[in-house]
Amino acid sequence: SLMMTFQHFVKVLIFGLIGFQFGPYMILIIGMLISGFIGTIIGSRFLTKAGGRYFKPVLNAILFLAAARLIWAGFEGLLAL
């Protein structure tokens, strides 16, 4: 977590140095920070209450759905050509 924070800080610094304007995206950035914080709290509570018994199957289902969506989007892109 600390290394990811450092990595994100370096990215923000570099983007700022090359002239990226964060102002127009500030509401989106703040929203992502808040949703990430809320997601961490919900995930921690779920993991504490449900334990490993339910966590792995739920995680696998979410990852499967995300992968299926990416595959579907790829096929849609190929068929649109």
C-alpha atoms as a PDB file:
ATOM      1  CA  SER A   1       0.000   0.000   0.000  1.00  0.00           C
ATOM      2  CA  LEU A   2       2.823   2.383   0.832  1.00  0.00           C
ATOM      3  CA  MET A   3       4.633   1.585  -2.412  1.00  0.00           C
ATOM      4  CA  MET A   4       1.448   2.121  -4.437  1.00  0.00           C
ATOM      5  CA  THR A   5       0.960   5.488  -2.754  1.00  0.00           C
ATOM      6  CA  PHE A   6       4.540   6.428  -3.622  1.00  0.00           C
ATOM      7  CA  GLN A   7       4.059   5.222  -7.209  1.00  0.00           C
ATOM      8  CA  HIS A   8       0.884   7.286  -7.631  1.00  0.00           C
ATOM      9  CA  PHE A   9       2.594  10.337  -6.137  1.00  0.00           C
ATOM     10  CA  VAL A  10       5.441  10.003  -8.646  1.00  0.00           C
ATOM     11  CA  LYS A  11       2.933   9.690 -11.516  1.00  0.00           C
ATOM     12  CA  VAL A  12       1.060  12.803 -10.387  1.00  0.00           C
ATOM     13  CA  LEU A  13       4.350  14.685 -10.085  1.00  0.00           C
ATOM     14  CA  ILE A  14       5.512  13.656 -13.567  1.00  0.00           C
ATOM     15  CA  PHE A  15       2.157  14.417 -15.198  1.00  0.00           C
ATOM     16  CA  GLY A  16       2.211  17.822 -13.499  1.00  0.00           C
ATOM     17  CA  LEU A  17       5.735  18.503 -14.741  1.00  0.00           C
ATOM     18  CA  ILE A  18       4.790  17.739 -18.346  1.00  0.00           C
ATOM     19  CA  GLY A  19       1.873  20.154 -18.121  1.00  0.00           C
ATOM     20  CA  PHE A  20      -1.206  18.020 -17.492  1.00  0.00           C
ATOM     21  CA  GLN A  21      -4.082  20.119 -16.134  1.00  0.00           C
ATOM     22  CA  PHE A  22      -5.712  18.310 -13.201  1.00  0.00           C
ATOM     23  CA  GLY A  23      -8.299  21.045 -12.584  1.00  0.00           C
ATOM     24  CA  PRO A  24     -10.998  19.860 -15.005  1.00  0.00           C
ATOM     25  CA  TYR A  25     -10.759  16.348 -13.566  1.00  0.00           C
ATOM     26  CA  MET A  26     -10.677  17.279  -9.874  1.00  0.00           C
ATOM     27  CA  ILE A  27     -14.288  16.222  -9.159  1.00  0.00           C
ATOM     28  CA  LEU A  28     -13.646  12.860 -10.831  1.00  0.00           C
ATOM     29  CA  ILE A  29     -10.375  12.398  -8.923  1.00  0.00           C
ATOM     30  CA  ILE A  30     -12.042  13.195  -5.591  1.00  0.00           C
ATOM     31  CA  GLY A  31     -14.921  10.837  -6.426  1.00  0.00           C
ATOM     32  CA  MET A  32     -12.470   8.035  -7.205  1.00  0.00           C
ATOM     33  CA  LEU A  33     -10.616   8.641  -3.940  1.00  0.00           C
ATOM     34  CA  ILE A  34     -13.855   8.519  -1.945  1.00  0.00           C
ATOM     35  CA  SER A  35     -15.139   5.409  -3.737  1.00  0.00           C
ATOM     36  CA  GLY A  36     -11.785   3.672  -3.238  1.00  0.00           C
ATOM     37  CA  PHE A  37     -11.883   4.447   0.472  1.00  0.00           C
ATOM     38  CA  ILE A  38     -15.488   3.219   0.791  1.00  0.00           C
ATOM     39  CA  GLY A  39     -14.656   0.093  -1.225  1.00  0.00           C
ATOM     40  CA  THR A  40     -11.747  -0.664   1.089  1.00  0.00           C
ATOM     41  CA  ILE A  41     -13.982  -0.365   4.155  1.00  0.00           C
ATOM     42  CA  ILE A  42     -16.722  -2.552   2.633  1.00  0.00           C
ATOM     43  CA  GLY A  43     -14.180  -5.126   1.435  1.00  0.00           C
ATOM     44  CA  SER A  44     -12.491  -5.295   4.839  1.00  0.00           C
ATOM     45  CA  ARG A  45     -15.814  -5.790   6.616  1.00  0.00           C
ATOM     46  CA  PHE A  46     -16.907  -8.445   4.117  1.00  0.00           C
ATOM     47  CA  LEU A  47     -13.615 -10.302   4.503  1.00  0.00           C
ATOM     48  CA  THR A  48     -13.828 -10.117   8.303  1.00  0.00           C
ATOM     49  CA  LYS A  49     -17.443 -11.316   8.470  1.00  0.00           C
ATOM     50  CA  ALA A  50     -17.449 -13.833   5.634  1.00  0.00           C
ATOM     51  CA  GLY A  51     -13.894 -15.032   5.976  1.00  0.00           C
ATOM     52  CA  GLY A  52     -12.043 -16.946   3.304  1.00  0.00           C
ATOM     53  CA  ARG A  53     -14.906 -19.365   2.775  1.00  0.00           C
ATOM     54  CA  TYR A  54     -16.944 -16.888   0.723  1.00  0.00           C
ATOM     55  CA  PHE A  55     -14.244 -14.481  -0.357  1.00  0.00           C
ATOM     56  CA  LYS A  56     -12.517 -16.692  -2.912  1.00  0.00           C
ATOM     57  CA  PRO A  57     -15.696 -17.802  -4.762  1.00  0.00           C
ATOM     58  CA  VAL A  58     -17.017 -14.226  -4.858  1.00  0.00           C
ATOM     59  CA  LEU A  59     -13.670 -12.910  -6.096  1.00  0.00           C
ATOM     60  CA  ASN A  60     -13.517 -15.631  -8.753  1.00  0.00           C
ATOM     61  CA  ALA A  61     -17.043 -14.778  -9.921  1.00  0.00           C
ATOM     62  CA  ILE A  62     -16.230 -11.065 -10.165  1.00  0.00           C
ATOM     63  CA  LEU A  63     -13.011 -11.761 -12.065  1.00  0.00           C
ATOM     64  CA  PHE A  64     -14.831 -14.171 -14.395  1.00  0.00           C
ATOM     65  CA  LEU A  65     -17.494 -11.570 -15.182  1.00  0.00           C
ATOM     66  CA  ALA A  66     -14.865  -8.890 -15.792  1.00  0.00           C
ATOM     67  CA  ALA A  67     -12.924 -11.203 -18.120  1.00  0.00           C
ATOM     68  CA  ALA A  68     -16.102 -12.222 -19.969  1.00  0.00           C
ATOM     69  CA  ARG A  69     -16.967  -8.573 -20.484  1.00  0.00           C
ATOM     70  CA  LEU A  70     -13.508  -7.829 -21.880  1.00  0.00           C
ATOM     71  CA  ILE A  71     -13.764 -10.792 -24.254  1.00  0.00           C
ATOM     72  CA  TRP A  72     -17.246  -9.688 -25.345  1.00  0.00           C
ATOM     73  CA  ALA A  73     -16.034  -6.134 -25.964  1.00  0.00           C
ATOM     74  CA  GLY A  74     -13.128  -7.500 -27.992  1.00  0.00           C
ATOM     75  CA  PHE A  75     -15.452  -9.552 -30.182  1.00  0.00           C
ATOM     76  CA  GLU A  76     -17.727  -6.553 -30.655  1.00  0.00           C
ATOM     77  CA  GLY A  77     -14.727  -4.530 -31.771  1.00  0.00           C
ATOM     78  CA  LEU A  78     -13.676  -7.219 -34.235  1.00  0.00           C
ATOM     79  CA  LEU A  79     -17.165  -7.563 -35.667  1.00  0.00           C
ATOM     80  CA  ALA A  80     -17.507  -3.798 -36.093  1.00  0.00           C
ATOM     81  CA  LEU A  81     -14.570  -3.680 -38.506  1.00  0.00           C
END
